[in-house]
Amino acid sequence: TEVRYDEVEKRVVYEPVKLVQEYRQFDFMSPWEGAEYILPGDDKAEGAK
């Protein structure tokens, strides 16, 4: 539900939200949590072992 103040009617208006696309749930890792695997060709990661 969307809430806004209508200047013409001088009142708060409650309206349903109209989504252009269907709602999508993205399941990404947090940017603060790194992957446990080492990418191929990552020489820096191999030296850190």
PDB file of N, CA and C in Angstrom:
ATOM      1  N   THR A   1       0.839  -1.184   0.000  1.00  0.00           N
ATOM      2  CA  THR A   1       0.000   0.000   0.000  1.00  0.00           C
ATOM      3  C   THR A   1       0.878   1.240   0.000  1.00  0.00           C
ATOM      4  N   GLU A   2       0.573   2.159  -0.859  1.00  0.00           N
ATOM      5  CA  GLU A   2       1.297   3.424  -0.957  1.00  0.00           C
ATOM      6  C   GLU A   2       0.499   4.497  -0.222  1.00  0.00           C
ATOM      7  N   VAL A   3       1.201   5.324   0.541  1.00  0.00           N
ATOM      8  CA  VAL A   3       0.549   6.395   1.290  1.00  0.00           C
ATOM      9  C   VAL A   3       1.110   7.721   0.810  1.00  0.00           C
ATOM     10  N   ARG A   4       0.226   8.669   0.501  1.00  0.00           N
ATOM     11  CA  ARG A   4       0.673   9.992   0.069  1.00  0.00           C
ATOM     12  C   ARG A   4      -0.359  11.028   0.485  1.00  0.00           C
ATOM     13  N   TYR A   5       0.068  12.275   0.489  1.00  0.00           N
ATOM     14  CA  TYR A   5      -0.851  13.367   0.815  1.00  0.00           C
ATOM     15  C   TYR A   5      -1.300  14.024  -0.476  1.00  0.00           C
ATOM     16  N   ASP A   6      -2.592  14.105  -0.685  1.00  0.00           N
ATOM     17  CA  ASP A   6      -3.160  14.716  -1.886  1.00  0.00           C
ATOM     18  C   ASP A   6      -3.460  16.184  -1.591  1.00  0.00           C
ATOM     19  N   GLU A   7      -2.747  17.071  -2.286  1.00  0.00           N
ATOM     20  CA  GLU A   7      -2.925  18.516  -2.081  1.00  0.00           C
ATOM     21  C   GLU A   7      -4.306  18.996  -2.517  1.00  0.00           C
ATOM     22  N   VAL A   8      -4.860  18.396  -3.563  1.00  0.00           N
ATOM     23  CA  VAL A   8      -6.170  18.818  -4.073  1.00  0.00           C
ATOM     24  C   VAL A   8      -7.268  18.450  -3.074  1.00  0.00           C
ATOM     25  N   GLU A   9      -7.223  17.195  -2.599  1.00  0.00           N
ATOM     26  CA  GLU A   9      -8.255  16.731  -1.669  1.00  0.00           C
ATOM     27  C   GLU A   9      -7.943  17.092  -0.220  1.00  0.00           C
ATOM     28  N   LYS A  10      -6.715  17.534   0.043  1.00  0.00           N
ATOM     29  CA  LYS A  10      -6.270  17.908   1.393  1.00  0.00           C
ATOM     30  C   LYS A  10      -6.462  16.767   2.390  1.00  0.00           C
ATOM     31  N   ARG A  11      -6.030  15.563   1.968  1.00  0.00           N
ATOM     32  CA  ARG A  11      -6.137  14.402   2.857  1.00  0.00           C
ATOM     33  C   ARG A  11      -5.094  13.364   2.477  1.00  0.00           C
ATOM     34  N   VAL A  12      -4.884  12.423   3.371  1.00  0.00           N
ATOM     35  CA  VAL A  12      -3.965  11.320   3.119  1.00  0.00           C
ATOM     36  C   VAL A  12      -4.693  10.282   2.278  1.00  0.00           C
ATOM     37  N   VAL A  13      -4.024   9.808   1.220  1.00  0.00           N
ATOM     38  CA  VAL A  13      -4.627   8.840   0.300  1.00  0.00           C
ATOM     39  C   VAL A  13      -3.831   7.538   0.375  1.00  0.00           C
ATOM     40  N   TYR A  14      -4.526   6.428   0.523  1.00  0.00           N
ATOM     41  CA  TYR A  14      -3.923   5.097   0.518  1.00  0.00           C
ATOM     42  C   TYR A  14      -4.266   4.439  -0.808  1.00  0.00           C
ATOM     43  N   GLU A  15      -3.228   4.011  -1.545  1.00  0.00           N
ATOM     44  CA  GLU A  15      -3.457   3.379  -2.843  1.00  0.00           C
ATOM     45  C   GLU A  15      -2.628   2.107  -2.939  1.00  0.00           C
ATOM     46  N   PRO A  16      -3.121   1.100  -3.653  1.00  0.00           N
ATOM     47  CA  PRO A  16      -2.304  -0.102  -3.860  1.00  0.00           C
ATOM     48  C   PRO A  16      -1.113   0.217  -4.771  1.00  0.00           C
ATOM     49  N   VAL A  17       0.008  -0.432  -4.510  1.00  0.00           N
ATOM     50  CA  VAL A  17       1.205  -0.228  -5.321  1.00  0.00           C
ATOM     51  C   VAL A  17       1.055  -1.014  -6.617  1.00  0.00           C
ATOM     52  N   LYS A  18       1.341  -0.361  -7.737  1.00  0.00           N
ATOM     53  CA  LYS A  18       1.259  -1.013  -9.046  1.00  0.00           C
ATOM     54  C   LYS A  18       2.679  -1.289  -9.527  1.00  0.00           C
ATOM     55  N   LEU A  19       3.084  -2.566  -9.522  1.00  0.00           N
ATOM     56  CA  LEU A  19       4.421  -2.941  -9.969  1.00  0.00           C
ATOM     57  C   LEU A  19       4.412  -3.199 -11.468  1.00  0.00           C
ATOM     58  N   VAL A  20       5.396  -2.635 -12.171  1.00  0.00           N
ATOM     59  CA  VAL A  20       5.499  -2.831 -13.612  1.00  0.00           C
ATOM     60  C   VAL A  20       5.953  -4.258 -13.900  1.00  0.00           C
ATOM     61  N   GLN A  21       6.915  -4.737 -13.097  1.00  0.00           N
ATOM     62  CA  GLN A  21       7.394  -6.109 -13.232  1.00  0.00           C
ATOM     63  C   GLN A  21       6.929  -6.912 -12.028  1.00  0.00           C
ATOM     64  N   GLU A  22       6.924  -8.223 -12.196  1.00  0.00           N
ATOM     65  CA  GLU A  22       6.628  -9.091 -11.072  1.00  0.00           C
ATOM     66  C   GLU A  22       7.762  -8.968 -10.055  1.00  0.00           C
ATOM     67  N   TYR A  23       7.440  -9.008  -8.777  1.00  0.00           N
ATOM     68  CA  TYR A  23       8.455  -8.887  -7.730  1.00  0.00           C
ATOM     69  C   TYR A  23       9.416 -10.062  -7.800  1.00  0.00           C
ATOM     70  N   ARG A  24      10.726  -9.773  -7.722  1.00  0.00           N
ATOM     71  CA  ARG A  24      11.736 -10.824  -7.775  1.00  0.00           C
ATOM     72  C   ARG A  24      12.525 -10.828  -6.476  1.00  0.00           C
ATOM     73  N   GLN A  25      12.778 -12.010  -5.944  1.00  0.00           N
ATOM     74  CA  GLN A  25      13.575 -12.163  -4.732  1.00  0.00           C
ATOM     75  C   GLN A  25      14.990 -12.569  -5.142  1.00  0.00           C
ATOM     76  N   PHE A  26      15.963 -11.688  -4.920  1.00  0.00           N
ATOM     77  CA  PHE A  26      17.343 -11.984  -5.256  1.00  0.00           C
ATOM     78  C   PHE A  26      18.024 -12.608  -4.051  1.00  0.00           C
ATOM     79  N   ASP A  27      18.788 -13.662  -4.281  1.00  0.00           N
ATOM     80  CA  ASP A  27      19.456 -14.364  -3.192  1.00  0.00           C
ATOM     81  C   ASP A  27      20.966 -14.261  -3.398  1.00  0.00           C
ATOM     82  N   PHE A  28      21.522 -13.093  -3.115  1.00  0.00           N
ATOM     83  CA  PHE A  28      22.950 -12.882  -3.270  1.00  0.00           C
ATOM     84  C   PHE A  28      23.631 -12.975  -1.916  1.00  0.00           C
ATOM     85  N   MET A  29      24.902 -13.365  -1.937  1.00  0.00           N
ATOM     86  CA  MET A  29      25.673 -13.329  -0.700  1.00  0.00           C
ATOM     87  C   MET A  29      25.887 -11.877  -0.308  1.00  0.00           C
ATOM     88  N   SER A  30      26.070 -11.654   0.950  1.00  0.00           N
ATOM     89  CA  SER A  30      26.402 -10.315   1.426  1.00  0.00           C
ATOM     90  C   SER A  30      27.741  -9.919   0.817  1.00  0.00           C
ATOM     91  N   PRO A  31      27.909  -8.654   0.400  1.00  0.00           N
ATOM     92  CA  PRO A  31      29.202  -8.242  -0.159  1.00  0.00           C
ATOM     93  C   PRO A  31      30.326  -8.336   0.865  1.00  0.00           C
ATOM     94  N   TRP A  32      29.990  -8.439   2.148  1.00  0.00           N
ATOM     95  CA  TRP A  32      31.005  -8.541   3.198  1.00  0.00           C
ATOM     96  C   TRP A  32      31.428  -9.983   3.424  1.00  0.00           C
ATOM     97  N   GLU A  33      30.711 -10.945   2.854  1.00  0.00           N
ATOM     98  CA  GLU A  33      31.069 -12.353   3.001  1.00  0.00           C
ATOM     99  C   GLU A  33      31.687 -12.832   1.691  1.00  0.00           C
ATOM    100  N   GLY A  34      32.939 -13.204   1.724  1.00  0.00           N
ATOM    101  CA  GLY A  34      33.610 -13.649   0.515  1.00  0.00           C
ATOM    102  C   GLY A  34      33.347 -15.111   0.224  1.00  0.00           C
ATOM    103  N   ALA A  35      33.600 -15.502  -0.995  1.00  0.00           N
ATOM    104  CA  ALA A  35      33.450 -16.895  -1.388  1.00  0.00           C
ATOM    105  C   ALA A  35      34.606 -17.704  -0.810  1.00  0.00           C
ATOM    106  N   GLU A  36      34.356 -18.971  -0.523  1.00  0.00           N
ATOM    107  CA  GLU A  36      35.379 -19.839   0.068  1.00  0.00           C
ATOM    108  C   GLU A  36      36.331 -20.412  -0.988  1.00  0.00           C
ATOM    109  N   TYR A  37      35.911 -20.439  -2.242  1.00  0.00           N
ATOM    110  CA  TYR A  37      36.741 -21.030  -3.283  1.00  0.00           C
ATOM    111  C   TYR A  37      37.690 -19.986  -3.871  1.00  0.00           C
ATOM    112  N   ILE A  38      38.767 -20.468  -4.504  1.00  0.00           N
ATOM    113  CA  ILE A  38      39.747 -19.591  -5.149  1.00  0.00           C
ATOM    114  C   ILE A  38      39.513 -19.657  -6.653  1.00  0.00           C
ATOM    115  N   LEU A  39      39.456 -18.514  -7.295  1.00  0.00           N
ATOM    116  CA  LEU A  39      39.247 -18.467  -8.735  1.00  0.00           C
ATOM    117  C   LEU A  39      40.497 -18.943  -9.466  1.00  0.00           C
ATOM    118  N   PRO A  40      40.348 -19.658 -10.576  1.00  0.00           N
ATOM    119  CA  PRO A  40      41.515 -20.113 -11.333  1.00  0.00           C
ATOM    120  C   PRO A  40      42.313 -18.927 -11.866  1.00  0.00           C
ATOM    121  N   GLY A  41      43.635 -19.007 -11.740  1.00  0.00           N
ATOM    122  CA  GLY A  41      44.501 -17.945 -12.232  1.00  0.00           C
ATOM    123  C   GLY A  41      44.672 -16.804 -11.250  1.00  0.00           C
ATOM    124  N   ASP A  42      44.176 -16.949 -10.019  1.00  0.00           N
ATOM    125  CA  ASP A  42      44.310 -15.902  -9.006  1.00  0.00           C
ATOM    126  C   ASP A  42      45.592 -16.153  -8.218  1.00  0.00           C
ATOM    127  N   ASP A  43      46.702 -15.623  -8.730  1.00  0.00           N
ATOM    128  CA  ASP A  43      48.008 -15.870  -8.122  1.00  0.00           C
ATOM    129  C   ASP A  43      48.126 -15.262  -6.732  1.00  0.00           C
ATOM    130  N   LYS A  44      47.478 -14.152  -6.487  1.00  0.00           N
ATOM    131  CA  LYS A  44      47.550 -13.504  -5.173  1.00  0.00           C
ATOM    132  C   LYS A  44      46.937 -14.394  -4.096  1.00  0.00           C
ATOM    133  N   ALA A  45      45.822 -15.032  -4.401  1.00  0.00           N
ATOM    134  CA  ALA A  45      45.152 -15.884  -3.426  1.00  0.00           C
ATOM    135  C   ALA A  45      45.985 -17.125  -3.131  1.00  0.00           C
ATOM    136  N   GLU A  46      46.677 -17.660  -4.149  1.00  0.00           N
ATOM    137  CA  GLU A  46      47.501 -18.848  -3.943  1.00  0.00           C
ATOM    138  C   GLU A  46      48.696 -18.533  -3.059  1.00  0.00           C
ATOM    139  N   GLY A  47      49.243 -17.327  -3.153  1.00  0.00           N
ATOM    140  CA  GLY A  47      50.379 -16.938  -2.329  1.00  0.00           C
ATOM    141  C   GLY A  47      49.990 -16.675  -0.888  1.00  0.00           C
ATOM    142  N   ALA A  48      48.733 -16.416  -0.625  1.00  0.00           N
ATOM    143  CA  ALA A  48      48.270 -16.111   0.731  1.00  0.00           C
ATOM    144  C   ALA A  48      48.098 -17.362   1.573  1.00  0.00           C
ATOM    145  N   LYS A  49      48.123 -18.544   0.940  1.00  0.00           N
ATOM    146  CA  LYS A  49      47.931 -19.803   1.688  1.00  0.00           C
ATOM    147  C   LYS A  49      49.093 -20.098   2.595  1.00  0.00           C
TER     148      LYS A  49
END
